[in-house]
Amino acid sequence: MKENKTYTITAIMEGAFMCANGCEKKGTDYINISNKVVIPNTVTKIERYAFSNCMAKNIKLSQNITKIEDGTFNEAGIKKSKSPME
């Protein structure tokens, strides 16, 4: 990725945020996620295990999501969620 360039995210791939703030493994980098995750409206698909073991407490889903695959939030620390379907 180039600095100062804008990218449009349309999908969150398998394991993208797996273990964010929840795992420790030597020799492996994990993305550090804050307590709140907001999925932008450009995202239409979230793949398997994308947020598995993620310790974010709150998540707001995009109104344009058409597919959330099995295991996406497997063992995640989510306490509160908001989706346009609610």
N, C-alpha and C. Protein backbone atom coordinates (compact mmCIF):
# COMPACT_ATOMS: atom_id res chain seq x y z
N MET A 1 0.83 -1.18 0.00
CA MET A 1 0.00 0.00 0.00
C MET A 1 0.88 1.25 0.00
N LYS A 2 0.44 2.24 -0.73
CA LYS A 2 1.17 3.49 -0.81
C LYS A 2 0.62 4.49 0.20
N GLU A 3 1.52 5.32 0.73
CA GLU A 3 1.08 6.36 1.66
C GLU A 3 0.26 7.41 0.92
N ASN A 4 -0.65 8.05 1.64
CA ASN A 4 -1.49 9.13 1.11
C ASN A 4 -2.35 8.70 -0.07
N LYS A 5 -2.69 7.45 -0.14
CA LYS A 5 -3.58 6.96 -1.20
C LYS A 5 -4.80 6.36 -0.51
N THR A 6 -5.96 6.58 -1.08
CA THR A 6 -7.20 6.05 -0.53
C THR A 6 -7.55 4.75 -1.22
N TYR A 7 -7.91 3.75 -0.43
CA TYR A 7 -8.32 2.45 -0.96
C TYR A 7 -9.75 2.19 -0.52
N THR A 8 -10.55 1.60 -1.39
CA THR A 8 -11.92 1.24 -1.06
C THR A 8 -11.96 -0.23 -0.69
N ILE A 9 -12.41 -0.53 0.51
CA ILE A 9 -12.50 -1.91 0.98
C ILE A 9 -13.88 -2.44 0.64
N THR A 10 -13.93 -3.59 -0.05
CA THR A 10 -15.23 -4.17 -0.42
C THR A 10 -15.48 -5.52 0.24
N ALA A 11 -14.45 -6.12 0.80
CA ALA A 11 -14.60 -7.41 1.49
C ALA A 11 -13.56 -7.51 2.58
N ILE A 12 -13.91 -8.23 3.64
CA ILE A 12 -12.96 -8.52 4.72
C ILE A 12 -12.66 -10.00 4.60
N MET A 13 -11.42 -10.31 4.27
CA MET A 13 -11.03 -11.66 3.91
C MET A 13 -10.87 -12.58 5.13
N GLU A 14 -10.82 -13.86 4.86
CA GLU A 14 -10.71 -14.89 5.89
C GLU A 14 -9.54 -14.61 6.82
N GLY A 15 -9.83 -14.57 8.12
CA GLY A 15 -8.81 -14.39 9.15
C GLY A 15 -8.21 -13.00 9.24
N ALA A 16 -8.79 -12.01 8.59
CA ALA A 16 -8.21 -10.66 8.52
C ALA A 16 -7.90 -10.06 9.89
N PHE A 17 -8.78 -10.19 10.84
CA PHE A 17 -8.58 -9.63 12.17
C PHE A 17 -8.57 -10.72 13.24
N MET A 18 -8.26 -11.93 12.84
CA MET A 18 -8.20 -13.06 13.76
C MET A 18 -7.19 -12.76 14.86
N CYS A 19 -7.60 -12.99 16.07
CA CYS A 19 -6.75 -12.82 17.26
C CYS A 19 -6.38 -11.37 17.56
N ALA A 20 -7.08 -10.42 17.00
CA ALA A 20 -6.78 -9.02 17.29
C ALA A 20 -6.98 -8.78 18.78
N ASN A 21 -5.93 -8.44 19.47
CA ASN A 21 -5.91 -8.20 20.92
C ASN A 21 -6.20 -9.44 21.74
N GLY A 22 -6.22 -10.61 21.13
CA GLY A 22 -6.60 -11.78 21.90
C GLY A 22 -5.61 -12.92 21.87
N CYS A 23 -4.59 -12.86 21.05
CA CYS A 23 -3.63 -13.96 20.93
C CYS A 23 -2.21 -13.44 21.03
N GLU A 24 -1.35 -14.31 21.41
CA GLU A 24 0.07 -13.98 21.44
C GLU A 24 0.83 -15.15 20.87
N LYS A 25 1.63 -14.89 19.88
CA LYS A 25 2.41 -15.95 19.25
C LYS A 25 3.72 -15.34 18.79
N LYS A 26 4.82 -15.92 19.19
CA LYS A 26 6.12 -15.39 18.81
C LYS A 26 6.33 -15.50 17.31
N GLY A 27 6.88 -14.44 16.73
CA GLY A 27 7.18 -14.44 15.31
C GLY A 27 5.99 -14.12 14.42
N THR A 28 4.87 -13.74 15.03
CA THR A 28 3.67 -13.44 14.24
C THR A 28 3.14 -12.07 14.66
N ASP A 29 2.78 -11.27 13.70
CA ASP A 29 2.18 -9.96 13.98
C ASP A 29 0.67 -10.06 13.87
N TYR A 30 -0.04 -9.53 14.86
CA TYR A 30 -1.49 -9.46 14.82
C TYR A 30 -1.90 -8.00 14.86
N ILE A 31 -2.98 -7.68 14.19
CA ILE A 31 -3.48 -6.31 14.17
C ILE A 31 -4.13 -6.00 15.51
N ASN A 32 -3.84 -4.81 16.04
CA ASN A 32 -4.39 -4.37 17.31
C ASN A 32 -5.69 -3.60 17.04
N ILE A 33 -6.80 -4.13 17.51
CA ILE A 33 -8.10 -3.49 17.30
C ILE A 33 -8.57 -2.84 18.59
N SER A 34 -9.13 -1.64 18.46
CA SER A 34 -9.67 -0.95 19.62
C SER A 34 -10.97 -1.63 20.06
N ASN A 35 -11.66 -1.04 21.01
CA ASN A 35 -12.89 -1.63 21.52
C ASN A 35 -14.05 -1.57 20.54
N LYS A 36 -13.99 -0.69 19.55
CA LYS A 36 -15.12 -0.51 18.64
C LYS A 36 -14.67 -0.70 17.20
N VAL A 37 -15.45 -1.47 16.44
CA VAL A 37 -15.18 -1.70 15.02
C VAL A 37 -16.40 -1.22 14.24
N VAL A 38 -16.18 -0.40 13.22
CA VAL A 38 -17.25 0.05 12.34
C VAL A 38 -16.91 -0.46 10.94
N ILE A 39 -17.78 -1.30 10.39
CA ILE A 39 -17.59 -1.83 9.05
C ILE A 39 -18.18 -0.81 8.07
N PRO A 40 -17.37 -0.26 7.15
CA PRO A 40 -17.88 0.76 6.23
C PRO A 40 -18.89 0.22 5.23
N ASN A 41 -19.68 1.11 4.65
CA ASN A 41 -20.72 0.72 3.70
C ASN A 41 -20.17 0.13 2.40
N THR A 42 -18.88 0.27 2.16
CA THR A 42 -18.28 -0.31 0.95
C THR A 42 -18.11 -1.81 1.08
N VAL A 43 -18.16 -2.34 2.30
CA VAL A 43 -17.97 -3.78 2.53
C VAL A 43 -19.29 -4.50 2.29
N THR A 44 -19.25 -5.53 1.44
CA THR A 44 -20.44 -6.33 1.15
C THR A 44 -20.31 -7.77 1.63
N LYS A 45 -19.10 -8.20 1.99
CA LYS A 45 -18.87 -9.59 2.38
C LYS A 45 -17.82 -9.67 3.48
N ILE A 46 -18.10 -10.52 4.48
CA ILE A 46 -17.12 -10.81 5.52
C ILE A 46 -16.90 -12.31 5.51
N GLU A 47 -15.65 -12.72 5.28
CA GLU A 47 -15.34 -14.14 5.14
C GLU A 47 -15.13 -14.84 6.49
N ARG A 48 -15.05 -16.17 6.41
CA ARG A 48 -14.88 -17.04 7.58
C ARG A 48 -13.74 -16.56 8.48
N TYR A 49 -14.01 -16.61 9.77
CA TYR A 49 -13.01 -16.34 10.80
C TYR A 49 -12.38 -14.96 10.73
N ALA A 50 -12.98 -14.03 10.00
CA ALA A 50 -12.39 -12.70 9.86
C ALA A 50 -12.16 -12.02 11.21
N PHE A 51 -13.07 -12.23 12.15
CA PHE A 51 -12.95 -11.63 13.48
C PHE A 51 -12.88 -12.70 14.57
N SER A 52 -12.47 -13.89 14.23
CA SER A 52 -12.36 -14.98 15.19
C SER A 52 -11.35 -14.62 16.28
N ASN A 53 -11.75 -14.77 17.53
CA ASN A 53 -10.93 -14.44 18.70
C ASN A 53 -10.57 -12.96 18.79
N CYS A 54 -11.27 -12.12 18.09
CA CYS A 54 -11.05 -10.68 18.15
C CYS A 54 -11.66 -10.16 19.46
N MET A 55 -10.96 -9.29 20.17
CA MET A 55 -11.41 -8.83 21.46
C MET A 55 -12.15 -7.50 21.43
N ALA A 56 -12.49 -6.99 20.25
CA ALA A 56 -13.29 -5.76 20.16
C ALA A 56 -14.63 -6.00 20.87
N LYS A 57 -15.10 -5.03 21.62
CA LYS A 57 -16.33 -5.18 22.40
C LYS A 57 -17.58 -4.80 21.62
N ASN A 58 -17.48 -3.83 20.71
CA ASN A 58 -18.63 -3.34 19.95
C ASN A 58 -18.35 -3.42 18.46
N ILE A 59 -19.36 -3.75 17.68
CA ILE A 59 -19.22 -3.79 16.23
C ILE A 59 -20.47 -3.24 15.57
N LYS A 60 -20.27 -2.40 14.57
CA LYS A 60 -21.39 -1.86 13.79
C LYS A 60 -21.19 -2.34 12.36
N LEU A 61 -22.19 -3.07 11.86
CA LEU A 61 -22.10 -3.65 10.52
C LEU A 61 -22.61 -2.70 9.45
N SER A 62 -22.04 -2.83 8.27
CA SER A 62 -22.44 -2.05 7.10
C SER A 62 -23.85 -2.41 6.66
N GLN A 63 -24.58 -1.46 6.15
CA GLN A 63 -25.92 -1.72 5.63
C GLN A 63 -25.87 -2.47 4.30
N ASN A 64 -24.70 -2.55 3.69
CA ASN A 64 -24.56 -3.18 2.38
C ASN A 64 -24.03 -4.61 2.43
N ILE A 65 -23.83 -5.15 3.62
CA ILE A 65 -23.33 -6.52 3.73
C ILE A 65 -24.39 -7.50 3.22
N THR A 66 -23.98 -8.35 2.29
CA THR A 66 -24.89 -9.35 1.73
C THR A 66 -24.52 -10.75 2.18
N LYS A 67 -23.29 -10.93 2.70
CA LYS A 67 -22.88 -12.27 3.13
C LYS A 67 -21.91 -12.19 4.30
N ILE A 68 -22.24 -12.94 5.36
CA ILE A 68 -21.34 -13.14 6.49
C ILE A 68 -21.17 -14.65 6.60
N GLU A 69 -19.95 -15.12 6.37
CA GLU A 69 -19.71 -16.57 6.33
C GLU A 69 -19.65 -17.17 7.74
N ASP A 70 -19.84 -18.49 7.82
CA ASP A 70 -19.80 -19.22 9.08
C ASP A 70 -18.49 -18.96 9.82
N GLY A 71 -18.59 -18.82 11.14
CA GLY A 71 -17.41 -18.68 11.99
C GLY A 71 -16.78 -17.30 11.98
N THR A 72 -17.43 -16.34 11.34
CA THR A 72 -16.85 -15.00 11.22
C THR A 72 -16.51 -14.40 12.59
N PHE A 73 -17.38 -14.57 13.57
CA PHE A 73 -17.15 -13.99 14.89
C PHE A 73 -16.92 -15.08 15.94
N ASN A 74 -16.39 -16.21 15.53
CA ASN A 74 -16.13 -17.35 16.41
C ASN A 74 -15.26 -16.94 17.60
N GLU A 75 -15.79 -17.14 18.81
CA GLU A 75 -15.09 -16.85 20.06
C GLU A 75 -14.60 -15.40 20.15
N ALA A 76 -15.33 -14.49 19.55
CA ALA A 76 -15.00 -13.07 19.63
C ALA A 76 -15.50 -12.50 20.95
N GLY A 77 -14.94 -11.38 21.36
CA GLY A 77 -15.31 -10.76 22.63
C GLY A 77 -16.42 -9.74 22.50
N ILE A 78 -17.19 -9.79 21.44
CA ILE A 78 -18.22 -8.79 21.16
C ILE A 78 -19.34 -8.85 22.21
N LYS A 79 -19.62 -7.70 22.81
CA LYS A 79 -20.69 -7.59 23.81
C LYS A 79 -21.90 -6.88 23.23
N LYS A 80 -21.68 -6.03 22.22
CA LYS A 80 -22.77 -5.24 21.64
C LYS A 80 -22.55 -5.16 20.14
N SER A 81 -23.64 -5.36 19.39
CA SER A 81 -23.54 -5.23 17.94
C SER A 81 -24.73 -4.45 17.42
N LYS A 82 -24.52 -3.82 16.28
CA LYS A 82 -25.61 -3.08 15.64
C LYS A 82 -25.53 -3.37 14.16
N SER A 83 -26.66 -3.77 13.62
CA SER A 83 -26.72 -4.02 12.18
C SER A 83 -27.97 -3.36 11.62
N PRO A 84 -27.97 -3.06 10.33
CA PRO A 84 -29.15 -2.45 9.72
C PRO A 84 -30.35 -3.39 9.73
N MET A 85 -30.13 -4.67 9.98
CA MET A 85 -31.22 -5.65 10.00
C MET A 85 -32.00 -5.62 11.30
N GLU A 86 -31.49 -4.91 12.31
CA GLU A 86 -32.14 -4.86 13.62
C GLU A 86 -33.24 -3.83 13.64
